[in-house]
Amino acid sequence: MDEKRYRESRLCRLLGNPIVYQMIVLLEVGGPMTPSKLAKLIGRHVSTISSHLAKLRSAEVVRYDTSGKEVRYWLKHKG
């Protein structure tokens, strides 16, 4: 499998996860959010959300920025 197809299949697997899908929808509607805010809105542990955010970063779906100890995530491409 070539690299492009592999990345596409990886993204499809990620978006097939209901928690990840909820995160994407919340980031689309609500803009930049911290992992703790996402966890509170979805009703999951911050560690679970952080794990999914790491996968979304790796797939280049989200970007992040730090301000002190706070990390905010947003979608790389809105639309």
C-alpha atoms as a PDB file:
ATOM      1  CA  MET A   1       0.000   0.000   0.000  1.00  0.00           C
ATOM      2  CA  ASP A   2       1.396   3.374  -0.939  1.00  0.00           C
ATOM      3  CA  GLU A   3       1.816   6.168   1.614  1.00  0.00           C
ATOM      4  CA  LYS A   4      -1.217   8.176   0.483  1.00  0.00           C
ATOM      5  CA  ARG A   5      -3.581   5.205   0.748  1.00  0.00           C
ATOM      6  CA  TYR A   6      -2.133   4.268   4.132  1.00  0.00           C
ATOM      7  CA  ARG A   7      -2.711   7.794   5.494  1.00  0.00           C
ATOM      8  CA  GLU A   8      -6.264   7.830   4.129  1.00  0.00           C
ATOM      9  CA  SER A   9      -7.086   4.486   5.733  1.00  0.00           C
ATOM     10  CA  ARG A  10      -5.592   5.659   9.032  1.00  0.00           C
ATOM     11  CA  LEU A  11      -7.766   8.774   8.975  1.00  0.00           C
ATOM     12  CA  CYS A  12     -10.879   6.707   8.214  1.00  0.00           C
ATOM     13  CA  ARG A  13     -10.155   4.437  11.181  1.00  0.00           C
ATOM     14  CA  LEU A  14      -9.726   7.474  13.441  1.00  0.00           C
ATOM     15  CA  LEU A  15     -12.952   9.136  12.322  1.00  0.00           C
ATOM     16  CA  GLY A  16     -14.816   5.845  12.749  1.00  0.00           C
ATOM     17  CA  ASN A  17     -14.289   6.156  16.504  1.00  0.00           C
ATOM     18  CA  PRO A  18     -17.347   7.890  18.040  1.00  0.00           C
ATOM     19  CA  ILE A  19     -15.232   9.757  20.623  1.00  0.00           C
ATOM     20  CA  VAL A  20     -12.868  11.084  17.970  1.00  0.00           C
ATOM     21  CA  TYR A  21     -15.803  12.065  15.782  1.00  0.00           C
ATOM     22  CA  GLN A  22     -17.358  14.009  18.693  1.00  0.00           C
ATOM     23  CA  MET A  23     -14.041  15.778  19.259  1.00  0.00           C
ATOM     24  CA  ILE A  24     -13.883  16.836  15.606  1.00  0.00           C
ATOM     25  CA  VAL A  25     -17.451  18.163  15.709  1.00  0.00           C
ATOM     26  CA  LEU A  26     -16.792  20.110  18.926  1.00  0.00           C
ATOM     27  CA  LEU A  27     -13.604  21.629  17.529  1.00  0.00           C
ATOM     28  CA  GLU A  28     -15.431  22.554  14.321  1.00  0.00           C
ATOM     29  CA  VAL A  29     -18.264  24.290  16.170  1.00  0.00           C
ATOM     30  CA  GLY A  30     -16.485  25.603  19.252  1.00  0.00           C
ATOM     31  CA  GLY A  31     -13.053  26.499  17.941  1.00  0.00           C
ATOM     32  CA  PRO A  32      -9.848  25.960  19.927  1.00  0.00           C
ATOM     33  CA  MET A  33     -10.268  23.934  23.119  1.00  0.00           C
ATOM     34  CA  THR A  34      -8.161  22.389  25.845  1.00  0.00           C
ATOM     35  CA  PRO A  35      -8.130  18.621  26.356  1.00  0.00           C
ATOM     36  CA  SER A  36      -9.855  19.114  29.730  1.00  0.00           C
ATOM     37  CA  LYS A  37     -12.708  21.078  28.152  1.00  0.00           C
ATOM     38  CA  LEU A  38     -13.142  18.431  25.461  1.00  0.00           C
ATOM     39  CA  ALA A  39     -13.112  15.714  28.140  1.00  0.00           C
ATOM     40  CA  LYS A  40     -15.774  17.527  30.144  1.00  0.00           C
ATOM     41  CA  LEU A  41     -18.022  18.059  27.112  1.00  0.00           C
ATOM     42  CA  ILE A  42     -17.686  14.458  25.917  1.00  0.00           C
ATOM     43  CA  GLY A  43     -17.742  12.864  29.365  1.00  0.00           C
ATOM     44  CA  ARG A  44     -14.415  11.035  29.136  1.00  0.00           C
ATOM     45  CA  HIS A  45     -11.135  11.150  31.044  1.00  0.00           C
ATOM     46  CA  VAL A  46      -8.561  13.718  29.961  1.00  0.00           C
ATOM     47  CA  SER A  47      -6.067  10.895  29.365  1.00  0.00           C
ATOM     48  CA  THR A  48      -8.446   9.325  26.823  1.00  0.00           C
ATOM     49  CA  ILE A  49      -8.930  12.645  25.044  1.00  0.00           C
ATOM     50  CA  SER A  50      -5.183  13.337  25.051  1.00  0.00           C
ATOM     51  CA  SER A  51      -4.499   9.943  23.511  1.00  0.00           C
ATOM     52  CA  HIS A  52      -6.950  10.627  20.701  1.00  0.00           C
ATOM     53  CA  LEU A  53      -5.561  14.137  20.187  1.00  0.00           C
ATOM     54  CA  ALA A  54      -2.068  12.661  19.773  1.00  0.00           C
ATOM     55  CA  LYS A  55      -3.398  10.392  17.016  1.00  0.00           C
ATOM     56  CA  LEU A  56      -5.168  13.332  15.365  1.00  0.00           C
ATOM     57  CA  ARG A  57      -1.925  15.354  15.520  1.00  0.00           C
ATOM     58  CA  SER A  58      -0.049  12.488  13.923  1.00  0.00           C
ATOM     59  CA  ALA A  59      -2.656  12.330  11.152  1.00  0.00           C
ATOM     60  CA  GLU A  60      -2.326  16.118  10.722  1.00  0.00           C
ATOM     61  CA  VAL A  61      -5.987  16.767  11.510  1.00  0.00           C
ATOM     62  CA  VAL A  62      -5.438  19.098  14.463  1.00  0.00           C
ATOM     63  CA  ARG A  63      -2.891  21.691  15.460  1.00  0.00           C
ATOM     64  CA  TYR A  64      -2.034  22.924  18.916  1.00  0.00           C
ATOM     65  CA  ASP A  65      -0.426  25.778  20.776  1.00  0.00           C
ATOM     66  CA  THR A  66       0.737  26.158  24.348  1.00  0.00           C
ATOM     67  CA  SER A  67       0.314  29.145  26.584  1.00  0.00           C
ATOM     68  CA  GLY A  68       2.013  28.475  29.903  1.00  0.00           C
ATOM     69  CA  LYS A  69       0.657  25.135  31.069  1.00  0.00           C
ATOM     70  CA  GLU A  70      -2.451  25.345  28.892  1.00  0.00           C
ATOM     71  CA  VAL A  71      -2.624  23.577  25.532  1.00  0.00           C
ATOM     72  CA  ARG A  72      -5.323  24.435  23.009  1.00  0.00           C
ATOM     73  CA  TYR A  73      -6.220  22.353  19.970  1.00  0.00           C
ATOM     74  CA  TRP A  74      -8.025  23.328  16.791  1.00  0.00           C
ATOM     75  CA  LEU A  75      -8.726  21.775  13.413  1.00  0.00           C
ATOM     76  CA  LYS A  76      -6.022  22.212  10.840  1.00  0.00           C
ATOM     77  CA  HIS A  77      -8.575  22.563   8.049  1.00  0.00           C
ATOM     78  CA  LYS A  78     -12.044  23.818   8.868  1.00  0.00           C
ATOM     79  CA  GLY A  79     -14.815  23.356   6.506  1.00  0.00           C
END
